[in-house]
N, C-alpha and C. Protein backbone atom coordinates (compact mmCIF):
# COMPACT_ATOMS: atom_id res chain seq x y z
N MET A 1 0.82 -1.19 0.00
CA MET A 1 0.00 0.00 0.00
C MET A 1 0.87 1.26 0.00
N PHE A 2 2.02 1.16 0.65
CA PHE A 2 2.92 2.31 0.69
C PHE A 2 3.37 2.69 -0.72
N ALA A 3 3.76 1.69 -1.50
CA ALA A 3 4.22 1.97 -2.87
C ALA A 3 3.11 2.60 -3.69
N ASN A 4 1.90 2.09 -3.53
CA ASN A 4 0.75 2.64 -4.23
C ASN A 4 0.57 4.11 -3.88
N GLY A 5 0.65 4.41 -2.60
CA GLY A 5 0.51 5.79 -2.13
C GLY A 5 1.60 6.70 -2.68
N MET A 6 2.81 6.18 -2.76
CA MET A 6 3.91 6.99 -3.29
C MET A 6 3.70 7.33 -4.76
N PHE A 7 3.24 6.36 -5.55
CA PHE A 7 3.00 6.63 -6.96
C PHE A 7 1.85 7.62 -7.15
N VAL A 8 0.80 7.48 -6.36
CA VAL A 8 -0.32 8.42 -6.44
C VAL A 8 0.13 9.82 -6.04
N ALA A 9 0.90 9.92 -4.97
CA ALA A 9 1.39 11.23 -4.52
C ALA A 9 2.29 11.87 -5.58
N THR A 10 3.11 11.07 -6.23
CA THR A 10 3.97 11.59 -7.29
C THR A 10 3.14 12.13 -8.45
N GLU A 11 2.12 11.37 -8.82
CA GLU A 11 1.25 11.81 -9.91
C GLU A 11 0.57 13.13 -9.57
N PHE A 12 0.02 13.23 -8.38
CA PHE A 12 -0.64 14.47 -7.96
C PHE A 12 0.35 15.63 -7.91
N ALA A 13 1.56 15.37 -7.44
CA ALA A 13 2.56 16.43 -7.35
C ALA A 13 2.91 16.98 -8.73
N TYR A 14 3.06 16.10 -9.71
CA TYR A 14 3.37 16.57 -11.07
C TYR A 14 2.23 17.41 -11.63
N ILE A 15 1.00 16.99 -11.37
CA ILE A 15 -0.15 17.71 -11.90
C ILE A 15 -0.34 19.05 -11.19
N ALA A 16 -0.13 19.07 -9.88
CA ALA A 16 -0.41 20.26 -9.09
C ALA A 16 0.71 21.30 -9.14
N ALA A 17 1.90 20.91 -9.55
CA ALA A 17 3.04 21.84 -9.54
C ALA A 17 2.78 23.00 -10.51
N ARG A 18 3.09 24.19 -10.06
CA ARG A 18 2.93 25.38 -10.90
C ARG A 18 4.22 25.64 -11.65
N ARG A 19 4.13 25.63 -12.95
CA ARG A 19 5.31 25.78 -13.80
C ARG A 19 6.04 27.10 -13.53
N VAL A 20 5.31 28.18 -13.34
CA VAL A 20 5.93 29.49 -13.10
C VAL A 20 6.77 29.45 -11.84
N ARG A 21 6.24 28.83 -10.82
CA ARG A 21 6.96 28.73 -9.54
C ARG A 21 8.24 27.90 -9.70
N ILE A 22 8.14 26.81 -10.46
CA ILE A 22 9.30 25.95 -10.69
C ILE A 22 10.35 26.70 -11.51
N GLU A 23 9.90 27.42 -12.54
CA GLU A 23 10.84 28.19 -13.37
C GLU A 23 11.57 29.25 -12.55
N ARG A 24 10.86 29.86 -11.61
CA ARG A 24 11.49 30.85 -10.73
C ARG A 24 12.60 30.21 -9.91
N ARG A 25 12.35 29.01 -9.43
CA ARG A 25 13.37 28.31 -8.63
C ARG A 25 14.56 27.89 -9.49
N VAL A 26 14.28 27.54 -10.75
CA VAL A 26 15.38 27.20 -11.66
C VAL A 26 16.28 28.41 -11.84
N LYS A 27 15.67 29.58 -12.03
CA LYS A 27 16.45 30.81 -12.21
C LYS A 27 17.28 31.15 -10.98
N SER A 28 16.80 30.74 -9.80
CA SER A 28 17.56 31.01 -8.58
C SER A 28 18.63 29.94 -8.33
N GLY A 29 18.72 28.95 -9.24
CA GLY A 29 19.80 27.98 -9.16
C GLY A 29 19.46 26.64 -8.54
N SER A 30 18.20 26.35 -8.36
CA SER A 30 17.80 25.08 -7.74
C SER A 30 17.97 23.92 -8.72
N ARG A 31 18.80 22.98 -8.34
CA ARG A 31 19.03 21.79 -9.17
C ARG A 31 17.78 20.91 -9.19
N ALA A 32 17.12 20.77 -8.04
CA ALA A 32 15.90 19.96 -7.95
C ALA A 32 14.81 20.54 -8.85
N ALA A 33 14.69 21.86 -8.85
CA ALA A 33 13.68 22.50 -9.70
C ALA A 33 13.98 22.26 -11.18
N ARG A 34 15.25 22.23 -11.54
CA ARG A 34 15.63 21.95 -12.92
C ARG A 34 15.19 20.55 -13.32
N ILE A 35 15.35 19.60 -12.42
CA ILE A 35 14.93 18.22 -12.69
C ILE A 35 13.41 18.15 -12.84
N VAL A 36 12.70 18.83 -11.95
CA VAL A 36 11.23 18.84 -12.02
C VAL A 36 10.76 19.50 -13.31
N LEU A 37 11.39 20.59 -13.71
CA LEU A 37 11.01 21.28 -14.94
C LEU A 37 11.22 20.38 -16.15
N ARG A 38 12.32 19.65 -16.16
CA ARG A 38 12.58 18.70 -17.24
C ARG A 38 11.49 17.63 -17.28
N ALA A 39 11.07 17.18 -16.10
CA ALA A 39 9.99 16.19 -16.02
C ALA A 39 8.67 16.78 -16.52
N MET A 40 8.43 18.04 -16.21
CA MET A 40 7.19 18.68 -16.64
C MET A 40 7.13 18.81 -18.16
N ASP A 41 8.28 18.89 -18.81
CA ASP A 41 8.30 18.96 -20.27
C ASP A 41 7.87 17.64 -20.90
N GLY A 42 8.05 16.55 -20.21
CA GLY A 42 7.61 15.24 -20.68
C GLY A 42 6.56 14.66 -19.75
N LEU A 43 5.61 15.50 -19.36
CA LEU A 43 4.65 15.12 -18.33
C LEU A 43 3.87 13.85 -18.68
N ASP A 44 3.51 13.68 -19.94
CA ASP A 44 2.75 12.50 -20.34
C ASP A 44 3.48 11.21 -19.96
N ARG A 45 4.78 11.19 -20.19
CA ARG A 45 5.56 9.99 -19.86
C ARG A 45 5.61 9.74 -18.36
N TYR A 46 5.75 10.81 -17.58
CA TYR A 46 5.83 10.65 -16.13
C TYR A 46 4.48 10.24 -15.54
N ILE A 47 3.40 10.76 -16.09
CA ILE A 47 2.06 10.35 -15.63
C ILE A 47 1.85 8.88 -15.99
N ALA A 48 2.23 8.49 -17.20
CA ALA A 48 2.10 7.09 -17.61
C ALA A 48 2.93 6.18 -16.72
N ALA A 49 4.13 6.61 -16.37
CA ALA A 49 4.99 5.81 -15.48
C ALA A 49 4.36 5.70 -14.10
N SER A 50 3.76 6.78 -13.62
CA SER A 50 3.08 6.73 -12.32
C SER A 50 1.90 5.77 -12.37
N GLN A 51 1.14 5.82 -13.46
CA GLN A 51 0.00 4.91 -13.61
C GLN A 51 0.47 3.45 -13.66
N LEU A 52 1.56 3.21 -14.35
CA LEU A 52 2.11 1.86 -14.40
C LEU A 52 2.55 1.41 -13.01
N GLY A 53 3.19 2.31 -12.27
CA GLY A 53 3.60 1.99 -10.90
C GLY A 53 2.41 1.68 -10.01
N ILE A 54 1.33 2.46 -10.14
CA ILE A 54 0.12 2.22 -9.35
C ILE A 54 -0.45 0.85 -9.69
N THR A 55 -0.50 0.53 -10.98
CA THR A 55 -1.03 -0.77 -11.42
C THR A 55 -0.18 -1.91 -10.89
N MET A 56 1.14 -1.79 -11.01
CA MET A 56 2.02 -2.86 -10.53
C MET A 56 1.93 -3.04 -9.02
N ALA A 57 1.86 -1.93 -8.29
CA ALA A 57 1.74 -2.01 -6.83
C ALA A 57 0.41 -2.65 -6.44
N SER A 58 -0.65 -2.32 -7.16
CA SER A 58 -1.96 -2.91 -6.87
C SER A 58 -1.97 -4.41 -7.17
N LEU A 59 -1.35 -4.80 -8.27
CA LEU A 59 -1.25 -6.23 -8.59
C LEU A 59 -0.45 -6.98 -7.53
N ALA A 60 0.64 -6.39 -7.09
CA ALA A 60 1.46 -7.02 -6.04
C ALA A 60 0.67 -7.14 -4.75
N LEU A 61 -0.09 -6.10 -4.42
CA LEU A 61 -0.91 -6.13 -3.21
C LEU A 61 -1.95 -7.24 -3.30
N GLY A 62 -2.57 -7.39 -4.46
CA GLY A 62 -3.54 -8.47 -4.66
C GLY A 62 -2.89 -9.84 -4.59
N PHE A 63 -1.71 -9.97 -5.16
CA PHE A 63 -0.99 -11.24 -5.15
C PHE A 63 -0.65 -11.66 -3.72
N ILE A 64 -0.25 -10.70 -2.91
CA ILE A 64 0.11 -10.98 -1.52
C ILE A 64 -1.13 -11.10 -0.64
N GLY A 65 -2.11 -10.23 -0.87
CA GLY A 65 -3.27 -10.17 0.01
C GLY A 65 -4.33 -11.22 -0.24
N GLU A 66 -4.43 -11.73 -1.46
CA GLU A 66 -5.49 -12.69 -1.80
C GLU A 66 -5.46 -13.95 -0.94
N PRO A 67 -4.31 -14.61 -0.76
CA PRO A 67 -4.30 -15.81 0.08
C PRO A 67 -4.70 -15.52 1.53
N ILE A 68 -4.28 -14.38 2.03
CA ILE A 68 -4.61 -14.02 3.41
C ILE A 68 -6.10 -13.78 3.54
N LEU A 69 -6.66 -13.01 2.61
CA LEU A 69 -8.09 -12.73 2.64
C LEU A 69 -8.91 -14.00 2.43
N ALA A 70 -8.46 -14.87 1.54
CA ALA A 70 -9.17 -16.13 1.30
C ALA A 70 -9.18 -17.00 2.55
N ALA A 71 -8.08 -17.02 3.28
CA ALA A 71 -8.01 -17.82 4.51
C ALA A 71 -8.99 -17.31 5.57
N VAL A 72 -9.25 -16.02 5.56
CA VAL A 72 -10.17 -15.43 6.53
C VAL A 72 -11.62 -15.64 6.10
N ILE A 73 -11.90 -15.49 4.82
CA ILE A 73 -13.28 -15.53 4.33
C ILE A 73 -13.77 -16.95 4.05
N GLU A 74 -12.90 -17.83 3.61
CA GLU A 74 -13.33 -19.16 3.17
C GLU A 74 -14.00 -19.99 4.26
N PRO A 75 -13.44 -20.13 5.47
CA PRO A 75 -14.10 -20.98 6.47
C PRO A 75 -15.55 -20.58 6.79
N PRO A 76 -15.86 -19.31 7.02
CA PRO A 76 -17.26 -18.98 7.27
C PRO A 76 -18.17 -19.24 6.06
N LEU A 77 -17.66 -19.02 4.86
CA LEU A 77 -18.47 -19.29 3.67
C LEU A 77 -18.73 -20.78 3.49
N VAL A 78 -17.72 -21.60 3.74
CA VAL A 78 -17.89 -23.05 3.64
C VAL A 78 -18.90 -23.51 4.68
N ALA A 79 -18.83 -22.97 5.89
CA ALA A 79 -19.79 -23.33 6.94
C ALA A 79 -21.20 -22.89 6.57
N LEU A 80 -21.33 -21.75 5.94
CA LEU A 80 -22.63 -21.21 5.58
C LEU A 80 -23.23 -21.93 4.38
N ILE A 81 -22.43 -22.15 3.36
CA ILE A 81 -22.93 -22.74 2.11
C ILE A 81 -22.87 -24.26 2.14
N GLY A 82 -21.84 -24.78 2.75
CA GLY A 82 -21.74 -26.23 2.86
C GLY A 82 -20.72 -26.82 2.05
């Protein structure tokens, strides 16, 4: 779930970032702002990468969580249905 949250937060950060504010920081010499500005120029790729990360994290969560959830749900269902 942590990985999923990180990818979602990254996606929101890219969308919410104000280009003018980032450009101002680039002019003041911020290396991090320069990296973010470069990412904003290829925003479609970064959003797609975030979406892929969200999907992969969700699949991993399902792969790990399904056996645990099945072990909890199966006994009462078997008792109820027969």
